[in-house]
Amino acid sequence: MADKYRNFAALAAAERAGIDYDILLRRAQPSFAIVAPHGGGIEAGTSEIADAVADQTYSFYTLEGIKTKGNADLHITSTHFDVPMRLTVLGSTAVVVTIHGEESEDDGDGVFVGGLDTKLGDRISDALTGAGFDVSRHADPDLQGIEACNIVNRGLSGAGVQLELSRSVRQTMFEALTRPGRKKTTEQFRRFVDALRKALADPRRKGR
């Protein structure tokens, strides 16, 4: 389904900051930024995962849908994601890792790894596989994060890693994917976060 808004300027003209959506930003080490461009109720669970992975170590950024319903209207595709505040993070970050939620039930229960930083992507894939997750590359090129203009590839290195988490995987990470349910995480959530942080802390990344 096509986005309701082509870019953030169109979204901001029609939706209310602090009522319909929030933008959260926390700056930390310049090595990585963990970004959930479709957080809150847009792709449920992604902002909570990104926040936990970033913790106080890496920069964190999300645009969260906070409507009681209709948050899907706030989805801006990653190649058109032009929220001005994003430049504060991307302009000083080497590598971006984006967390997305894949909503199609036809995609099974996997984690799909994309983006142009294939070496880091392979390390993340290995870490997540070792933690028990089913990891693969998405069959749809539009969900592989390979466009240079995609937010995942807009860090200083020009290459990042995109993670698409199926809805069924995200459901195992929280009590429920509702707003209150996402406040209670599971062991599966902790395994995912720990595995991803382990991959990002791997000293081999310095020789990308």
C-alpha atoms as a PDB file:
ATOM      1  CA  MET A   1       0.000   0.000   0.000  1.00  0.00           C
ATOM      2  CA  ALA A   2       1.339   3.438  -0.950  1.00  0.00           C
ATOM      3  CA  ASP A   3       2.308   5.859   1.813  1.00  0.00           C
ATOM      4  CA  LYS A   4      -0.240   8.513   2.694  1.00  0.00           C
ATOM      5  CA  TYR A   5       2.547  11.106   2.934  1.00  0.00           C
ATOM      6  CA  ARG A   6       5.389  11.227   0.439  1.00  0.00           C
ATOM      7  CA  ASN A   7       7.779  12.918   2.873  1.00  0.00           C
ATOM      8  CA  PHE A   8       7.995  14.435   6.340  1.00  0.00           C
ATOM      9  CA  ALA A   9       7.029  17.926   5.190  1.00  0.00           C
ATOM     10  CA  ALA A  10       3.659  16.572   4.027  1.00  0.00           C
ATOM     11  CA  LEU A  11       3.225  14.567   7.239  1.00  0.00           C
ATOM     12  CA  ALA A  12       4.096  17.517   9.487  1.00  0.00           C
ATOM     13  CA  ALA A  13       1.598  19.733   7.673  1.00  0.00           C
ATOM     14  CA  ALA A  14      -1.252  17.338   8.441  1.00  0.00           C
ATOM     15  CA  GLU A  15      -0.327  15.600  11.715  1.00  0.00           C
ATOM     16  CA  ARG A  16       0.348  17.019  15.198  1.00  0.00           C
ATOM     17  CA  ALA A  17       3.727  16.661  16.878  1.00  0.00           C
ATOM     18  CA  GLY A  18       3.362  15.347  20.425  1.00  0.00           C
ATOM     19  CA  ILE A  19      -0.197  14.199  19.762  1.00  0.00           C
ATOM     20  CA  ASP A  20      -0.040  12.077  16.612  1.00  0.00           C
ATOM     21  CA  TYR A  21       3.706  11.437  16.516  1.00  0.00           C
ATOM     22  CA  ASP A  22       6.887  11.992  18.490  1.00  0.00           C
ATOM     23  CA  ILE A  23      10.533  12.211  17.425  1.00  0.00           C
ATOM     24  CA  LEU A  24      13.031  10.894  19.961  1.00  0.00           C
ATOM     25  CA  LEU A  25      16.768  11.471  19.682  1.00  0.00           C
ATOM     26  CA  ARG A  26      19.691  10.527  21.920  1.00  0.00           C
ATOM     27  CA  ARG A  27      23.273  11.118  20.810  1.00  0.00           C
ATOM     28  CA  ALA A  28      26.174   8.960  21.969  1.00  0.00           C
ATOM     29  CA  GLN A  29      29.216   7.328  20.367  1.00  0.00           C
ATOM     30  CA  PRO A  30      29.639   8.229  16.669  1.00  0.00           C
ATOM     31  CA  SER A  31      30.338   4.650  15.587  1.00  0.00           C
ATOM     32  CA  PHE A  32      26.694   3.588  15.225  1.00  0.00           C
ATOM     33  CA  ALA A  33      23.198   5.059  15.219  1.00  0.00           C
ATOM     34  CA  ILE A  34      20.322   2.674  15.877  1.00  0.00           C
ATOM     35  CA  VAL A  35      17.288   4.049  14.045  1.00  0.00           C
ATOM     36  CA  ALA A  36      13.624   3.006  14.066  1.00  0.00           C
ATOM     37  CA  PRO A  37      12.080   5.228  11.377  1.00  0.00           C
ATOM     38  CA  HIS A  38       8.634   3.653  11.846  1.00  0.00           C
ATOM     39  CA  GLY A  39       8.426   3.355  15.610  1.00  0.00           C
ATOM     40  CA  GLY A  40       5.602   3.388  18.120  1.00  0.00           C
ATOM     41  CA  GLY A  41       2.380   2.110  16.603  1.00  0.00           C
ATOM     42  CA  ILE A  42       3.601   2.314  12.997  1.00  0.00           C
ATOM     43  CA  GLU A  43       5.695  -0.878  13.104  1.00  0.00           C
ATOM     44  CA  ALA A  44       5.072  -1.975  16.668  1.00  0.00           C
ATOM     45  CA  GLY A  45       8.054  -2.921  18.796  1.00  0.00           C
ATOM     46  CA  THR A  46      10.749  -1.438  16.582  1.00  0.00           C
ATOM     47  CA  SER A  47      11.423   1.690  18.647  1.00  0.00           C
ATOM     48  CA  GLU A  48      11.636  -0.319  21.871  1.00  0.00           C
ATOM     49  CA  ILE A  49      14.138  -2.709  20.269  1.00  0.00           C
ATOM     50  CA  ALA A  50      16.218   0.109  18.795  1.00  0.00           C
ATOM     51  CA  ASP A  51      16.254   1.982  22.116  1.00  0.00           C
ATOM     52  CA  ALA A  52      17.463  -1.097  23.990  1.00  0.00           C
ATOM     53  CA  VAL A  53      20.170  -1.884  21.432  1.00  0.00           C
ATOM     54  CA  ALA A  54      21.455   1.688  21.500  1.00  0.00           C
ATOM     55  CA  ASP A  55      21.214   1.997  25.292  1.00  0.00           C
ATOM     56  CA  GLN A  56      23.772   4.618  26.362  1.00  0.00           C
ATOM     57  CA  THR A  57      26.441   3.334  23.959  1.00  0.00           C
ATOM     58  CA  TYR A  58      25.150   4.293  20.509  1.00  0.00           C
ATOM     59  CA  SER A  59      23.001   7.096  19.159  1.00  0.00           C
ATOM     60  CA  PHE A  60      19.253   6.421  18.993  1.00  0.00           C
ATOM     61  CA  TYR A  61      16.612   7.941  16.766  1.00  0.00           C
ATOM     62  CA  THR A  62      12.962   7.167  16.113  1.00  0.00           C
ATOM     63  CA  LEU A  63       9.822   8.681  14.684  1.00  0.00           C
ATOM     64  CA  GLU A  64       7.014   7.146  16.742  1.00  0.00           C
ATOM     65  CA  GLY A  65       3.350   6.941  15.897  1.00  0.00           C
ATOM     66  CA  ILE A  66       1.362   7.668  19.077  1.00  0.00           C
ATOM     67  CA  LYS A  67      -2.193   7.804  17.735  1.00  0.00           C
ATOM     68  CA  THR A  68      -4.861   5.642  19.299  1.00  0.00           C
ATOM     69  CA  LYS A  69      -5.497   4.280  15.794  1.00  0.00           C
ATOM     70  CA  GLY A  70      -4.354   4.901  12.231  1.00  0.00           C
ATOM     71  CA  ASN A  71      -0.616   4.963  12.933  1.00  0.00           C
ATOM     72  CA  ALA A  72       0.083   3.296   9.595  1.00  0.00           C
ATOM     73  CA  ASP A  73      -0.699   6.677   8.013  1.00  0.00           C
ATOM     74  CA  LEU A  74       2.573   7.954   9.479  1.00  0.00           C
ATOM     75  CA  HIS A  75       4.765   5.541   7.529  1.00  0.00           C
ATOM     76  CA  ILE A  76       7.313   7.298   5.290  1.00  0.00           C
ATOM     77  CA  THR A  77       9.295   4.909   3.145  1.00  0.00           C
ATOM     78  CA  SER A  78      12.991   4.810   4.002  1.00  0.00           C
ATOM     79  CA  THR A  79      14.091   6.264   0.670  1.00  0.00           C
ATOM     80  CA  HIS A  80      11.941   9.376   1.322  1.00  0.00           C
ATOM     81  CA  PHE A  81      12.660   9.699   5.041  1.00  0.00           C
ATOM     82  CA  ASP A  82      13.646  13.355   5.207  1.00  0.00           C
ATOM     83  CA  VAL A  83      12.858  14.268   8.819  1.00  0.00           C
ATOM     84  CA  PRO A  84      15.148  17.282   9.444  1.00  0.00           C
ATOM     85  CA  MET A  85      16.327  16.151  12.881  1.00  0.00           C
ATOM     86  CA  ARG A  86      17.712  12.937  11.375  1.00  0.00           C
ATOM     87  CA  LEU A  87      20.628  14.958  10.010  1.00  0.00           C
ATOM     88  CA  THR A  88      21.778  15.631  13.565  1.00  0.00           C
ATOM     89  CA  VAL A  89      22.440  11.901  13.917  1.00  0.00           C
ATOM     90  CA  LEU A  90      23.401  10.847  10.409  1.00  0.00           C
ATOM     91  CA  GLY A  91      25.776  13.761   9.873  1.00  0.00           C
ATOM     92  CA  SER A  92      28.022  12.563  12.704  1.00  0.00           C
ATOM     93  CA  THR A  93      27.554   8.779  12.638  1.00  0.00           C
ATOM     94  CA  ALA A  94      29.723   6.282  10.788  1.00  0.00           C
ATOM     95  CA  VAL A  95      27.202   3.461  10.333  1.00  0.00           C
ATOM     96  CA  VAL A  96      23.409   3.364  10.634  1.00  0.00           C
ATOM     97  CA  VAL A  97      21.504   0.250  11.703  1.00  0.00           C
ATOM     98  CA  THR A  98      17.767   0.467  11.084  1.00  0.00           C
ATOM     99  CA  ILE A  99      15.109  -1.639  12.797  1.00  0.00           C
ATOM    100  CA  HIS A 100      11.923  -2.227  10.795  1.00  0.00           C
ATOM    101  CA  GLY A 101       8.797  -4.319  11.232  1.00  0.00           C
ATOM    102  CA  GLU A 102       7.649  -6.429   8.299  1.00  0.00           C
ATOM    103  CA  GLU A 103       3.862  -6.734   8.470  1.00  0.00           C
ATOM    104  CA  SER A 104       3.130  -9.261   5.706  1.00  0.00           C
ATOM    105  CA  GLU A 105       2.132 -12.671   7.070  1.00  0.00           C
ATOM    106  CA  ASP A 106       3.448 -14.230   3.849  1.00  0.00           C
ATOM    107  CA  ASP A 107       7.010 -13.548   4.988  1.00  0.00           C
ATOM    108  CA  GLY A 108       6.985 -16.086   7.803  1.00  0.00           C
ATOM    109  CA  ASP A 109       8.679 -15.542  11.118  1.00  0.00           C
ATOM    110  CA  GLY A 110      12.190 -14.522  10.149  1.00  0.00           C
ATOM    111  CA  VAL A 111      14.605 -11.638  10.538  1.00  0.00           C
ATOM    112  CA  PHE A 112      15.654 -10.196   7.184  1.00  0.00           C
ATOM    113  CA  VAL A 113      19.080  -8.559   6.914  1.00  0.00           C
ATOM    114  CA  GLY A 114      19.826  -5.973   4.233  1.00  0.00           C
ATOM    115  CA  GLY A 115      21.731  -2.749   3.654  1.00  0.00           C
ATOM    116  CA  LEU A 116      24.976  -2.022   1.833  1.00  0.00           C
ATOM    117  CA  ASP A 117      27.350  -2.913   4.688  1.00  0.00           C
ATOM    118  CA  THR A 118      27.428  -6.629   3.906  1.00  0.00           C
ATOM    119  CA  LYS A 119      30.388  -7.443   6.180  1.00  0.00           C
ATOM    120  CA  LEU A 120      28.657  -6.052   9.246  1.00  0.00           C
ATOM    121  CA  GLY A 121      25.418  -7.590   8.004  1.00  0.00           C
ATOM    122  CA  ASP A 122      27.078 -11.010   7.929  1.00  0.00           C
ATOM    123  CA  ARG A 123      28.364 -10.586  11.498  1.00  0.00           C
ATOM    124  CA  ILE A 124      24.918  -9.557  12.676  1.00  0.00           C
ATOM    125  CA  SER A 125      23.379 -12.515  10.834  1.00  0.00           C
ATOM    126  CA  ASP A 126      25.819 -14.908  12.503  1.00  0.00           C
ATOM    127  CA  ALA A 127      25.133 -13.443  15.946  1.00  0.00           C
ATOM    128  CA  LEU A 128      21.353 -13.593  15.541  1.00  0.00           C
ATOM    129  CA  THR A 129      21.482 -17.106  14.099  1.00  0.00           C
ATOM    130  CA  GLY A 130      23.590 -18.173  17.075  1.00  0.00           C
ATOM    131  CA  ALA A 131      20.910 -16.720  19.358  1.00  0.00           C
ATOM    132  CA  GLY A 132      18.255 -18.894  17.711  1.00  0.00           C
ATOM    133  CA  PHE A 133      16.713 -16.520  15.164  1.00  0.00           C
ATOM    134  CA  ASP A 134      15.859 -17.483  11.593  1.00  0.00           C
ATOM    135  CA  VAL A 135      17.880 -15.024   9.502  1.00  0.00           C
ATOM    136  CA  SER A 136      17.832 -14.521   5.727  1.00  0.00           C
ATOM    137  CA  ARG A 137      17.822 -11.889   2.990  1.00  0.00           C
ATOM    138  CA  HIS A 138      14.375 -10.687   1.961  1.00  0.00           C
ATOM    139  CA  ALA A 139      13.251 -11.880  -1.465  1.00  0.00           C
ATOM    140  CA  ASP A 140      11.767  -8.470  -2.295  1.00  0.00           C
ATOM    141  CA  PRO A 141      14.488  -6.045  -3.529  1.00  0.00           C
ATOM    142  CA  ASP A 142      12.411  -3.144  -2.186  1.00  0.00           C
ATOM    143  CA  LEU A 143      12.940  -4.526   1.330  1.00  0.00           C
ATOM    144  CA  GLN A 144      16.693  -5.115   1.045  1.00  0.00           C
ATOM    145  CA  GLY A 145      17.858  -1.567   1.893  1.00  0.00           C
ATOM    146  CA  ILE A 146      20.215  -1.348  -1.084  1.00  0.00           C
ATOM    147  CA  GLU A 147      19.370   2.149  -2.339  1.00  0.00           C
ATOM    148  CA  ALA A 148      21.999   4.801  -1.644  1.00  0.00           C
ATOM    149  CA  CYS A 149      19.221   7.232  -0.649  1.00  0.00           C
ATOM    150  CA  ASN A 150      17.778   4.809   1.923  1.00  0.00           C
ATOM    151  CA  ILE A 151      18.223   6.176   5.445  1.00  0.00           C
ATOM    152  CA  VAL A 152      20.186   3.049   6.388  1.00  0.00           C
ATOM    153  CA  ASN A 153      22.939   4.026   3.951  1.00  0.00           C
ATOM    154  CA  ARG A 154      23.079   7.718   4.854  1.00  0.00           C
ATOM    155  CA  GLY A 155      25.717   7.552   7.581  1.00  0.00           C
ATOM    156  CA  LEU A 156      29.225   8.837   6.931  1.00  0.00           C
ATOM    157  CA  SER A 157      30.363   5.448   5.601  1.00  0.00           C
ATOM    158  CA  GLY A 158      27.585   5.366   2.983  1.00  0.00           C
ATOM    159  CA  ALA A 159      26.654   1.812   4.001  1.00  0.00           C
ATOM    160  CA  GLY A 160      24.550   0.450   6.857  1.00  0.00           C
ATOM    161  CA  VAL A 161      22.543  -2.585   7.941  1.00  0.00           C
ATOM    162  CA  GLN A 162      18.768  -2.874   7.692  1.00  0.00           C
ATOM    163  CA  LEU A 163      16.904  -5.380   9.859  1.00  0.00           C
ATOM    164  CA  GLU A 164      13.319  -6.289   8.965  1.00  0.00           C
ATOM    165  CA  LEU A 165      11.617  -8.221  11.780  1.00  0.00           C
ATOM    166  CA  SER A 166       8.486 -10.165  10.929  1.00  0.00           C
ATOM    167  CA  ARG A 167       5.428  -9.503  13.041  1.00  0.00           C
ATOM    168  CA  SER A 168       5.524 -13.019  14.476  1.00  0.00           C
ATOM    169  CA  VAL A 169       9.107 -12.495  15.693  1.00  0.00           C
ATOM    170  CA  ARG A 170       8.197  -9.200  17.322  1.00  0.00           C
ATOM    171  CA  GLN A 171       5.203 -10.790  19.005  1.00  0.00           C
ATOM    172  CA  THR A 172       7.534 -13.163  20.843  1.00  0.00           C
ATOM    173  CA  MET A 173       9.504 -10.218  22.249  1.00  0.00           C
ATOM    174  CA  PHE A 174       6.682  -8.513  24.148  1.00  0.00           C
ATOM    175  CA  GLU A 175       3.697  -9.414  26.241  1.00  0.00           C
ATOM    176  CA  ALA A 176       1.696  -7.937  23.347  1.00  0.00           C
ATOM    177  CA  LEU A 177       2.320  -5.505  20.500  1.00  0.00           C
ATOM    178  CA  THR A 178      -0.135  -3.017  21.982  1.00  0.00           C
ATOM    179  CA  ARG A 179       1.267   0.142  23.557  1.00  0.00           C
ATOM    180  CA  PRO A 180       0.932  -1.176  27.144  1.00  0.00           C
ATOM    181  CA  GLY A 181       2.021  -4.674  26.106  1.00  0.00           C
ATOM    182  CA  ARG A 182       5.292  -3.378  24.666  1.00  0.00           C
ATOM    183  CA  LYS A 183       6.323  -2.178  28.127  1.00  0.00           C
ATOM    184  CA  LYS A 184       6.816  -5.821  29.165  1.00  0.00           C
ATOM    185  CA  THR A 185       9.588  -7.553  27.263  1.00  0.00           C
ATOM    186  CA  THR A 186      10.440 -11.255  27.106  1.00  0.00           C
ATOM    187  CA  GLU A 187      13.593 -13.371  27.134  1.00  0.00           C
ATOM    188  CA  GLN A 188      13.397 -13.419  23.325  1.00  0.00           C
ATOM    189  CA  PHE A 189      13.671  -9.624  23.327  1.00  0.00           C
ATOM    190  CA  ARG A 190      16.760  -9.799  25.533  1.00  0.00           C
ATOM    191  CA  ARG A 191      18.373 -12.478  23.338  1.00  0.00           C
ATOM    192  CA  PHE A 192      17.886 -10.347  20.242  1.00  0.00           C
ATOM    193  CA  VAL A 193      19.219  -7.177  21.852  1.00  0.00           C
ATOM    194  CA  ASP A 194      22.219  -8.944  23.390  1.00  0.00           C
ATOM    195  CA  ALA A 195      23.119 -10.668  20.095  1.00  0.00           C
ATOM    196  CA  LEU A 196      22.925  -7.445  18.114  1.00  0.00           C
ATOM    197  CA  ARG A 197      24.975  -5.502  20.654  1.00  0.00           C
ATOM    198  CA  LYS A 198      27.579  -8.278  20.636  1.00  0.00           C
ATOM    199  CA  ALA A 199      27.875  -8.017  16.838  1.00  0.00           C
ATOM    200  CA  LEU A 200      28.233  -4.225  16.979  1.00  0.00           C
ATOM    201  CA  ALA A 201      30.923  -4.442  19.655  1.00  0.00           C
ATOM    202  CA  ASP A 202      32.944  -6.980  17.621  1.00  0.00           C
ATOM    203  CA  PRO A 203      36.398  -5.394  17.118  1.00  0.00           C
ATOM    204  CA  ARG A 204      36.521  -6.778  13.561  1.00  0.00           C
ATOM    205  CA  ARG A 205      34.221  -3.953  12.468  1.00  0.00           C
ATOM    206  CA  LYS A 206      37.191  -1.568  12.612  1.00  0.00           C
ATOM    207  CA  GLY A 207      38.577  -3.271   9.535  1.00  0.00           C
ATOM    208  CA  ARG A 208      35.462  -2.962   7.428  1.00  0.00           C
END
